[in-house]
Amino acid sequence: MKRFKTLLWLEYRRSRVWAAALIGSLAFWAWGMHQVRLAEIGERLGVRAGLLTGAALIGVLVLCLMIGRIRGETRQGQYQVLLLSPPSGYLHVLARFAFALITALVYAVIIGGLAWWAVSQAGVILTAGSVGDILFSVPLYLVGTTVAPLLAWTLLLMVFISAYRVSGPGWVPGVVMVLGTPFLFRWIGEWIVRISYTLPGWRMLNTFGIQMAHSEEATSMAHSEEIQFLILNGEYIGVPQEPLWIMLAITVVMLLIAGRIWEEVEG
């Protein structure tokens, strides 16, 4: 545990500027949202939602760049003065991933706060449960299903490339992995859709879901796959929890593979 804390502290020292700049950039996005003064409430909310989407996408890109800066930390015993013995590759991977994930969670929660402000400015009255969902449940769900696997994949990619640099050009296996990943995740996505709602759905944003289920748009689109994904027989059934657990499991597997590769190359 002490070794992990030391590596996490070193990761903080190495990446704190990235993390601070990323989180601090949300002040710019908040300023941009405040400058949107369209007369139509729906258009104003739509533009602000677009800005938040842009902030989220850029945030994910920056986090992937931050976590992908793989260096030969364990080579030549660089950390033996602090740890007294060569650190485990698994601990290295876990520390790097943990710091990036914590940064992502803070970033997502702040975006959730900005979303709450945008919705409230549109005149929508929110219950305490809906506010909690916007601030915490939705950001945590999205981070678990998208950001965490992307961070783990980026870390695995960079470790994989670094491993081949020992014997040859690392870009060859990197290109193969990048080109093959979309086909793999497409298959995983189709499988997740097939098994969704095997477990009870999570009724996040329950108030909005009930309103959507009884809206004219939902009635006219009763046979749409998108509507049936959240609404069944005119009732809001929530979001499926299977994607979260499956993507978290895939994240753990990718981290274990990255840690094993790191152990073989750097050990």
C-alpha atoms as a PDB file:
ATOM      1  CA  MET A   1       0.000   0.000   0.000  1.00  0.00           C
ATOM      2  CA  LYS A   2       2.871   2.342   0.811  1.00  0.00           C
ATOM      3  CA  ARG A   3       4.396   1.739  -2.626  1.00  0.00           C
ATOM      4  CA  PHE A   4       1.098   2.520  -4.329  1.00  0.00           C
ATOM      5  CA  LYS A   5       0.761   5.767  -2.357  1.00  0.00           C
ATOM      6  CA  THR A   6       4.291   6.734  -3.372  1.00  0.00           C
ATOM      7  CA  LEU A   7       3.608   6.032  -7.055  1.00  0.00           C
ATOM      8  CA  LEU A   8       0.291   7.907  -6.862  1.00  0.00           C
ATOM      9  CA  TRP A   9       2.108  10.871  -5.332  1.00  0.00           C
ATOM     10  CA  LEU A  10       4.723  10.732  -8.104  1.00  0.00           C
ATOM     11  CA  GLU A  11       1.939  10.579 -10.693  1.00  0.00           C
ATOM     12  CA  TYR A  12       0.378  13.638  -9.060  1.00  0.00           C
ATOM     13  CA  ARG A  13       3.696  15.497  -9.228  1.00  0.00           C
ATOM     14  CA  ARG A  14       4.130  14.562 -12.890  1.00  0.00           C
ATOM     15  CA  SER A  15       0.564  15.266 -14.096  1.00  0.00           C
ATOM     16  CA  ARG A  16      -0.786  17.918 -11.720  1.00  0.00           C
ATOM     17  CA  VAL A  17      -0.316  20.696 -14.294  1.00  0.00           C
ATOM     18  CA  TRP A  18      -2.353  18.745 -16.833  1.00  0.00           C
ATOM     19  CA  ALA A  19      -5.088  18.053 -14.299  1.00  0.00           C
ATOM     20  CA  ALA A  20      -5.219  21.620 -12.997  1.00  0.00           C
ATOM     21  CA  ALA A  21      -5.322  23.062 -16.510  1.00  0.00           C
ATOM     22  CA  LEU A  22      -8.067  20.670 -17.562  1.00  0.00           C
ATOM     23  CA  ILE A  23     -10.294  21.349 -14.559  1.00  0.00           C
ATOM     24  CA  GLY A  24      -9.529  25.064 -14.686  1.00  0.00           C
ATOM     25  CA  SER A  25     -10.576  25.166 -18.344  1.00  0.00           C
ATOM     26  CA  LEU A  26     -14.156  24.607 -17.226  1.00  0.00           C
ATOM     27  CA  ALA A  27     -14.188  28.253 -16.116  1.00  0.00           C
ATOM     28  CA  PHE A  28     -13.850  29.177 -19.791  1.00  0.00           C
ATOM     29  CA  TRP A  29     -16.706  26.846 -20.752  1.00  0.00           C
ATOM     30  CA  ALA A  30     -18.848  28.279 -17.946  1.00  0.00           C
ATOM     31  CA  TRP A  31     -18.119  31.795 -19.208  1.00  0.00           C
ATOM     32  CA  GLY A  32     -19.047  30.717 -22.742  1.00  0.00           C
ATOM     33  CA  MET A  33     -22.344  29.257 -21.522  1.00  0.00           C
ATOM     34  CA  HIS A  34     -23.129  32.476 -19.669  1.00  0.00           C
ATOM     35  CA  GLN A  35     -22.604  34.459 -22.873  1.00  0.00           C
ATOM     36  CA  VAL A  36     -25.363  32.554 -24.674  1.00  0.00           C
ATOM     37  CA  ARG A  37     -28.315  34.952 -24.568  1.00  0.00           C
ATOM     38  CA  LEU A  38     -30.681  33.691 -27.266  1.00  0.00           C
ATOM     39  CA  ALA A  39     -34.288  34.711 -26.752  1.00  0.00           C
ATOM     40  CA  GLU A  40     -35.699  31.218 -27.340  1.00  0.00           C
ATOM     41  CA  ILE A  41     -35.266  29.096 -24.223  1.00  0.00           C
ATOM     42  CA  GLY A  42     -34.978  25.851 -26.178  1.00  0.00           C
ATOM     43  CA  GLU A  43     -32.292  27.227 -28.486  1.00  0.00           C
ATOM     44  CA  ARG A  44     -30.395  28.672 -25.545  1.00  0.00           C
ATOM     45  CA  LEU A  45     -30.452  25.342 -23.733  1.00  0.00           C
ATOM     46  CA  GLY A  46     -29.406  23.534 -26.916  1.00  0.00           C
ATOM     47  CA  VAL A  47     -26.369  25.775 -27.463  1.00  0.00           C
ATOM     48  CA  ARG A  48     -25.309  25.381 -23.839  1.00  0.00           C
ATOM     49  CA  ALA A  49     -25.707  21.618 -24.098  1.00  0.00           C
ATOM     50  CA  GLY A  50     -23.505  21.705 -27.200  1.00  0.00           C
ATOM     51  CA  LEU A  51     -20.828  23.618 -25.307  1.00  0.00           C
ATOM     52  CA  LEU A  52     -20.916  21.062 -22.487  1.00  0.00           C
ATOM     53  CA  THR A  53     -20.602  18.252 -25.020  1.00  0.00           C
ATOM     54  CA  GLY A  54     -17.563  19.966 -26.515  1.00  0.00           C
ATOM     55  CA  ALA A  55     -16.045  20.375 -23.054  1.00  0.00           C
ATOM     56  CA  ALA A  56     -16.603  16.680 -22.332  1.00  0.00           C
ATOM     57  CA  LEU A  57     -15.028  15.519 -25.606  1.00  0.00           C
ATOM     58  CA  ILE A  58     -11.990  17.758 -25.217  1.00  0.00           C
ATOM     59  CA  GLY A  59     -11.659  16.629 -21.622  1.00  0.00           C
ATOM     60  CA  VAL A  60     -11.552  12.966 -22.653  1.00  0.00           C
ATOM     61  CA  LEU A  61      -8.912  13.743 -25.290  1.00  0.00           C
ATOM     62  CA  VAL A  62      -6.722  15.594 -22.794  1.00  0.00           C
ATOM     63  CA  LEU A  63      -7.059  12.789 -20.240  1.00  0.00           C
ATOM     64  CA  CYS A  64      -6.004  10.220 -22.842  1.00  0.00           C
ATOM     65  CA  LEU A  65      -2.975  12.341 -23.757  1.00  0.00           C
ATOM     66  CA  MET A  66      -2.121  12.726 -20.070  1.00  0.00           C
ATOM     67  CA  ILE A  67      -2.319   9.028 -19.260  1.00  0.00           C
ATOM     68  CA  GLY A  68      -0.544   8.034 -22.474  1.00  0.00           C
ATOM     69  CA  ARG A  69       2.745   9.716 -21.615  1.00  0.00           C
ATOM     70  CA  ILE A  70       4.523   6.428 -20.916  1.00  0.00           C
ATOM     71  CA  ARG A  71       8.121   6.696 -19.799  1.00  0.00           C
ATOM     72  CA  GLY A  72      10.639   4.149 -18.612  1.00  0.00           C
ATOM     73  CA  GLU A  73      10.139   5.005 -14.940  1.00  0.00           C
ATOM     74  CA  THR A  74      11.402   1.713 -13.616  1.00  0.00           C
ATOM     75  CA  ARG A  75      14.460   1.520 -15.813  1.00  0.00           C
ATOM     76  CA  GLN A  76      17.871   1.928 -14.174  1.00  0.00           C
ATOM     77  CA  GLY A  77      16.239   1.819 -10.722  1.00  0.00           C
ATOM     78  CA  GLN A  78      14.949   5.380 -10.837  1.00  0.00           C
ATOM     79  CA  TYR A  79      12.490   4.804  -7.980  1.00  0.00           C
ATOM     80  CA  GLN A  80      14.533   2.451  -5.826  1.00  0.00           C
ATOM     81  CA  VAL A  81      15.607   5.331  -3.582  1.00  0.00           C
ATOM     82  CA  LEU A  82      11.949   5.948  -2.711  1.00  0.00           C
ATOM     83  CA  LEU A  83      10.699   2.366  -2.780  1.00  0.00           C
ATOM     84  CA  LEU A  84      13.902   0.448  -1.787  1.00  0.00           C
ATOM     85  CA  SER A  85      13.099  -2.163  -4.456  1.00  0.00           C
ATOM     86  CA  PRO A  86      11.831  -2.132  -8.062  1.00  0.00           C
ATOM     87  CA  PRO A  87       8.082  -1.306  -8.064  1.00  0.00           C
ATOM     88  CA  SER A  88       5.525  -3.663  -9.571  1.00  0.00           C
ATOM     89  CA  GLY A  89       4.315  -2.960 -13.096  1.00  0.00           C
ATOM     90  CA  TYR A  90       0.755  -3.491 -11.906  1.00  0.00           C
ATOM     91  CA  LEU A  91       1.190  -0.762  -9.290  1.00  0.00           C
ATOM     92  CA  HIS A  92       2.591   1.589 -11.917  1.00  0.00           C
ATOM     93  CA  VAL A  93      -0.401   1.022 -14.175  1.00  0.00           C
ATOM     94  CA  LEU A  94      -2.872   1.308 -11.302  1.00  0.00           C
ATOM     95  CA  ALA A  95      -1.358   4.553 -10.005  1.00  0.00           C
ATOM     96  CA  ARG A  96      -1.347   6.163 -13.435  1.00  0.00           C
ATOM     97  CA  PHE A  97      -4.909   5.049 -14.109  1.00  0.00           C
ATOM     98  CA  ALA A  98      -6.170   6.037 -10.648  1.00  0.00           C
ATOM     99  CA  PHE A  99      -4.911   9.616 -10.913  1.00  0.00           C
ATOM    100  CA  ALA A 100      -6.410  10.054 -14.383  1.00  0.00           C
ATOM    101  CA  LEU A 101      -9.713   8.525 -13.252  1.00  0.00           C
ATOM    102  CA  ILE A 102      -9.921  10.792 -10.207  1.00  0.00           C
ATOM    103  CA  THR A 103      -9.297  13.783 -12.462  1.00  0.00           C
ATOM    104  CA  ALA A 104     -11.997  12.546 -14.848  1.00  0.00           C
ATOM    105  CA  LEU A 105     -14.512  12.144 -12.015  1.00  0.00           C
ATOM    106  CA  VAL A 106     -13.896  15.669 -10.718  1.00  0.00           C
ATOM    107  CA  TYR A 107     -14.175  17.035 -14.256  1.00  0.00           C
ATOM    108  CA  ALA A 108     -17.411  15.118 -14.905  1.00  0.00           C
ATOM    109  CA  VAL A 109     -19.033  16.228 -11.645  1.00  0.00           C
ATOM    110  CA  ILE A 110     -18.257  19.872 -12.428  1.00  0.00           C
ATOM    111  CA  ILE A 111     -19.767  19.422 -15.901  1.00  0.00           C
ATOM    112  CA  GLY A 112     -22.799  17.956 -14.144  1.00  0.00           C
ATOM    113  CA  GLY A 113     -22.989  21.119 -12.054  1.00  0.00           C
ATOM    114  CA  LEU A 114     -22.881  23.261 -15.181  1.00  0.00           C
ATOM    115  CA  ALA A 115     -25.625  21.096 -16.707  1.00  0.00           C
ATOM    116  CA  TRP A 116     -27.732  21.657 -13.598  1.00  0.00           C
ATOM    117  CA  TRP A 117     -27.238  25.409 -13.963  1.00  0.00           C
ATOM    118  CA  ALA A 118     -28.161  25.321 -17.659  1.00  0.00           C
ATOM    119  CA  VAL A 119     -31.331  23.325 -17.016  1.00  0.00           C
ATOM    120  CA  SER A 120     -32.382  25.551 -14.129  1.00  0.00           C
ATOM    121  CA  GLN A 121     -31.820  28.642 -16.286  1.00  0.00           C
ATOM    122  CA  ALA A 122     -34.244  27.135 -18.801  1.00  0.00           C
ATOM    123  CA  GLY A 123     -36.960  27.246 -16.153  1.00  0.00           C
ATOM    124  CA  VAL A 124     -37.029  23.519 -15.421  1.00  0.00           C
ATOM    125  CA  ILE A 125     -37.994  22.754 -11.826  1.00  0.00           C
ATOM    126  CA  LEU A 126     -35.848  19.922 -10.484  1.00  0.00           C
ATOM    127  CA  THR A 127     -36.501  17.625  -7.558  1.00  0.00           C
ATOM    128  CA  ALA A 128     -33.726  16.860  -5.091  1.00  0.00           C
ATOM    129  CA  GLY A 129     -33.351  13.403  -6.626  1.00  0.00           C
ATOM    130  CA  SER A 130     -32.985  14.814 -10.136  1.00  0.00           C
ATOM    131  CA  VAL A 131     -30.338  17.284  -8.951  1.00  0.00           C
ATOM    132  CA  GLY A 132     -28.395  14.449  -7.347  1.00  0.00           C
ATOM    133  CA  ASP A 133     -28.632  12.429 -10.554  1.00  0.00           C
ATOM    134  CA  ILE A 134     -27.353  15.326 -12.692  1.00  0.00           C
ATOM    135  CA  LEU A 135     -24.491  16.064 -10.299  1.00  0.00           C
ATOM    136  CA  PHE A 136     -23.371  12.540  -9.479  1.00  0.00           C
ATOM    137  CA  SER A 137     -25.292   9.567 -10.928  1.00  0.00           C
ATOM    138  CA  VAL A 138     -25.148  10.551 -14.603  1.00  0.00           C
ATOM    139  CA  PRO A 139     -21.471  11.681 -14.523  1.00  0.00           C
ATOM    140  CA  LEU A 140     -20.407   8.509 -12.701  1.00  0.00           C
ATOM    141  CA  TYR A 141     -22.372   6.340 -15.141  1.00  0.00           C
ATOM    142  CA  LEU A 142     -20.856   8.050 -18.178  1.00  0.00           C
ATOM    143  CA  VAL A 143     -17.328   7.922 -16.752  1.00  0.00           C
ATOM    144  CA  GLY A 144     -17.716   4.223 -15.949  1.00  0.00           C
ATOM    145  CA  THR A 145     -19.103   3.271 -19.353  1.00  0.00           C
ATOM    146  CA  THR A 146     -16.927   5.456 -21.604  1.00  0.00           C
ATOM    147  CA  VAL A 147     -14.052   7.339 -19.995  1.00  0.00           C
ATOM    148  CA  ALA A 148     -12.642   4.564 -17.808  1.00  0.00           C
ATOM    149  CA  PRO A 149     -12.410   2.042 -20.701  1.00  0.00           C
ATOM    150  CA  LEU A 150     -10.883   4.698 -22.975  1.00  0.00           C
ATOM    151  CA  LEU A 151      -8.224   5.524 -20.380  1.00  0.00           C
ATOM    152  CA  ALA A 152      -7.429   1.853 -19.836  1.00  0.00           C
ATOM    153  CA  TRP A 153      -7.277   1.264 -23.600  1.00  0.00           C
ATOM    154  CA  THR A 154      -4.934   4.231 -24.079  1.00  0.00           C
ATOM    155  CA  LEU A 155      -2.682   2.977 -21.305  1.00  0.00           C
ATOM    156  CA  LEU A 156      -2.632  -0.525 -22.790  1.00  0.00           C
ATOM    157  CA  LEU A 157      -1.892   0.879 -26.254  1.00  0.00           C
ATOM    158  CA  MET A 158       1.080   2.914 -25.074  1.00  0.00           C
ATOM    159  CA  VAL A 159       2.498   0.069 -22.969  1.00  0.00           C
ATOM    160  CA  PHE A 160       2.029  -2.287 -25.937  1.00  0.00           C
ATOM    161  CA  ILE A 161       3.867   0.085 -28.251  1.00  0.00           C
ATOM    162  CA  SER A 162       6.611   0.642 -25.678  1.00  0.00           C
ATOM    163  CA  ALA A 163       7.131  -3.110 -25.355  1.00  0.00           C
ATOM    164  CA  TYR A 164       7.909  -3.477 -29.071  1.00  0.00           C
ATOM    165  CA  ARG A 165      10.350  -0.596 -29.063  1.00  0.00           C
ATOM    166  CA  VAL A 166      12.836  -2.943 -27.427  1.00  0.00           C
ATOM    167  CA  SER A 167      13.082  -5.143 -30.517  1.00  0.00           C
ATOM    168  CA  GLY A 168      11.729  -3.019 -33.356  1.00  0.00           C
ATOM    169  CA  PRO A 169       9.473  -0.155 -34.406  1.00  0.00           C
ATOM    170  CA  GLY A 170       6.568   0.238 -31.979  1.00  0.00           C
ATOM    171  CA  TRP A 171       4.237   1.898 -34.455  1.00  0.00           C
ATOM    172  CA  VAL A 172       3.500  -1.385 -36.266  1.00  0.00           C
ATOM    173  CA  PRO A 173       1.686  -3.141 -33.388  1.00  0.00           C
ATOM    174  CA  GLY A 174       0.177   0.204 -32.408  1.00  0.00           C
ATOM    175  CA  VAL A 175      -1.440   0.645 -35.828  1.00  0.00           C
ATOM    176  CA  VAL A 176      -2.719  -2.950 -35.742  1.00  0.00           C
ATOM    177  CA  MET A 177      -4.283  -2.412 -32.319  1.00  0.00           C
ATOM    178  CA  VAL A 178      -5.847   0.932 -33.274  1.00  0.00           C
ATOM    179  CA  LEU A 179      -7.337  -0.491 -36.485  1.00  0.00           C
ATOM    180  CA  GLY A 180      -8.645  -3.619 -34.785  1.00  0.00           C
ATOM    181  CA  THR A 181     -10.200  -1.914 -31.753  1.00  0.00           C
ATOM    182  CA  PRO A 182     -13.295  -0.445 -33.522  1.00  0.00           C
ATOM    183  CA  PHE A 183     -14.331  -3.894 -34.760  1.00  0.00           C
ATOM    184  CA  LEU A 184     -13.878  -5.385 -31.301  1.00  0.00           C
ATOM    185  CA  PHE A 185     -15.848  -2.653 -29.536  1.00  0.00           C
ATOM    186  CA  ARG A 186     -18.566  -2.777 -32.185  1.00  0.00           C
ATOM    187  CA  TRP A 187     -19.046  -6.448 -31.416  1.00  0.00           C
ATOM    188  CA  ILE A 188     -19.016  -5.704 -27.675  1.00  0.00           C
ATOM    189  CA  GLY A 189     -21.557  -2.906 -28.162  1.00  0.00           C
ATOM    190  CA  GLU A 190     -23.925  -5.170 -30.104  1.00  0.00           C
ATOM    191  CA  TRP A 191     -23.626  -7.816 -27.402  1.00  0.00           C
ATOM    192  CA  ILE A 192     -24.343  -5.268 -24.664  1.00  0.00           C
ATOM    193  CA  VAL A 193     -27.463  -4.074 -26.481  1.00  0.00           C
ATOM    194  CA  ARG A 194     -28.733  -7.662 -26.740  1.00  0.00           C
ATOM    195  CA  ILE A 195     -28.407  -8.354 -23.012  1.00  0.00           C
ATOM    196  CA  SER A 196     -29.473  -4.915 -21.762  1.00  0.00           C
ATOM    197  CA  TYR A 197     -32.251  -4.865 -19.160  1.00  0.00           C
ATOM    198  CA  THR A 198     -31.540  -8.409 -18.088  1.00  0.00           C
ATOM    199  CA  LEU A 199     -31.050  -6.682 -14.767  1.00  0.00           C
ATOM    200  CA  PRO A 200     -33.498  -3.988 -13.569  1.00  0.00           C
ATOM    201  CA  GLY A 201     -32.868  -0.577 -15.106  1.00  0.00           C
ATOM    202  CA  TRP A 202     -31.570   2.322 -13.054  1.00  0.00           C
ATOM    203  CA  ARG A 203     -34.242   5.016 -12.922  1.00  0.00           C
ATOM    204  CA  MET A 204     -31.900   7.962 -13.084  1.00  0.00           C
ATOM    205  CA  LEU A 205     -33.582  11.310 -13.774  1.00  0.00           C
ATOM    206  CA  ASN A 206     -36.876   9.623 -12.981  1.00  0.00           C
ATOM    207  CA  THR A 207     -38.935  12.833 -13.296  1.00  0.00           C
ATOM    208  CA  PHE A 208     -37.642  13.524 -16.811  1.00  0.00           C
ATOM    209  CA  GLY A 209     -38.100   9.880 -17.768  1.00  0.00           C
ATOM    210  CA  ILE A 210     -41.753   9.825 -16.723  1.00  0.00           C
ATOM    211  CA  GLN A 211     -42.413  13.074 -18.593  1.00  0.00           C
ATOM    212  CA  MET A 212     -40.693  11.670 -21.692  1.00  0.00           C
ATOM    213  CA  ALA A 213     -42.707   8.451 -21.488  1.00  0.00           C
ATOM    214  CA  HIS A 214     -45.974  10.387 -21.546  1.00  0.00           C
ATOM    215  CA  SER A 215     -44.961  12.958 -24.150  1.00  0.00           C
ATOM    216  CA  GLU A 216     -46.478  13.157 -27.616  1.00  0.00           C
ATOM    217  CA  GLU A 217     -43.074  12.472 -29.163  1.00  0.00           C
ATOM    218  CA  ALA A 218     -42.764   9.186 -27.274  1.00  0.00           C
ATOM    219  CA  THR A 219     -46.270   8.160 -28.308  1.00  0.00           C
ATOM    220  CA  SER A 220     -45.587   8.866 -31.982  1.00  0.00           C
ATOM    221  CA  MET A 221     -42.234   7.022 -31.810  1.00  0.00           C
ATOM    222  CA  ALA A 222     -43.500   4.026 -29.863  1.00  0.00           C
ATOM    223  CA  HIS A 223     -41.826   1.574 -32.233  1.00  0.00           C
ATOM    224  CA  SER A 224     -38.478   3.349 -32.352  1.00  0.00           C
ATOM    225  CA  GLU A 225     -35.492   1.405 -31.011  1.00  0.00           C
ATOM    226  CA  GLU A 226     -34.151   4.539 -29.317  1.00  0.00           C
ATOM    227  CA  ILE A 227     -37.387   5.086 -27.402  1.00  0.00           C
ATOM    228  CA  GLN A 228     -37.766   1.417 -26.529  1.00  0.00           C
ATOM    229  CA  PHE A 229     -34.279   1.529 -25.055  1.00  0.00           C
ATOM    230  CA  LEU A 230     -35.612   3.732 -22.234  1.00  0.00           C
ATOM    231  CA  ILE A 231     -39.381   3.302 -22.428  1.00  0.00           C
ATOM    232  CA  LEU A 232     -41.344   0.049 -22.465  1.00  0.00           C
ATOM    233  CA  ASN A 233     -45.129  -0.104 -22.830  1.00  0.00           C
ATOM    234  CA  GLY A 234     -45.430   3.574 -22.054  1.00  0.00           C
ATOM    235  CA  GLU A 235     -43.406   3.333 -18.837  1.00  0.00           C
ATOM    236  CA  TYR A 236     -39.960   4.719 -18.118  1.00  0.00           C
ATOM    237  CA  ILE A 237     -37.704   1.768 -17.252  1.00  0.00           C
ATOM    238  CA  GLY A 238     -34.496   3.709 -16.654  1.00  0.00           C
ATOM    239  CA  VAL A 239     -31.032   3.217 -18.105  1.00  0.00           C
ATOM    240  CA  PRO A 240     -29.529  -0.286 -18.319  1.00  0.00           C
ATOM    241  CA  GLN A 241     -26.889  -1.147 -15.772  1.00  0.00           C
ATOM    242  CA  GLU A 242     -25.271  -3.923 -17.816  1.00  0.00           C
ATOM    243  CA  PRO A 243     -23.125  -1.502 -19.903  1.00  0.00           C
ATOM    244  CA  LEU A 244     -21.571  -0.110 -16.730  1.00  0.00           C
ATOM    245  CA  TRP A 245     -20.589  -3.463 -15.243  1.00  0.00           C
ATOM    246  CA  ILE A 246     -19.367  -4.881 -18.543  1.00  0.00           C
ATOM    247  CA  MET A 247     -17.240  -1.855 -19.416  1.00  0.00           C
ATOM    248  CA  LEU A 248     -15.781  -1.771 -15.912  1.00  0.00           C
ATOM    249  CA  ALA A 249     -14.887  -5.454 -16.238  1.00  0.00           C
ATOM    250  CA  ILE A 250     -13.248  -4.784 -19.616  1.00  0.00           C
ATOM    251  CA  THR A 251     -11.361  -1.890 -18.023  1.00  0.00           C
ATOM    252  CA  VAL A 252      -9.975  -4.187 -15.312  1.00  0.00           C
ATOM    253  CA  VAL A 253      -8.908  -6.771 -17.918  1.00  0.00           C
ATOM    254  CA  MET A 254      -7.075  -4.148 -20.001  1.00  0.00           C
ATOM    255  CA  LEU A 255      -5.308  -2.819 -16.901  1.00  0.00           C
ATOM    256  CA  LEU A 256      -4.201  -6.322 -15.931  1.00  0.00           C
ATOM    257  CA  ILE A 257      -2.819  -6.946 -19.421  1.00  0.00           C
ATOM    258  CA  ALA A 258      -1.020  -3.580 -19.406  1.00  0.00           C
ATOM    259  CA  GLY A 259       0.448  -4.338 -15.980  1.00  0.00           C
ATOM    260  CA  ARG A 260       1.677  -7.738 -17.126  1.00  0.00           C
ATOM    261  CA  ILE A 261       3.324  -6.281 -20.220  1.00  0.00           C
ATOM    262  CA  TRP A 262       4.953  -3.570 -18.110  1.00  0.00           C
ATOM    263  CA  GLU A 263       6.311  -6.233 -15.745  1.00  0.00           C
ATOM    264  CA  GLU A 264       7.819  -8.194 -18.618  1.00  0.00           C
ATOM    265  CA  VAL A 265       9.417  -5.188 -20.306  1.00  0.00           C
ATOM    266  CA  GLU A 266      10.499  -3.068 -17.369  1.00  0.00           C
ATOM    267  CA  GLY A 267      11.039  -5.799 -14.785  1.00  0.00           C
END
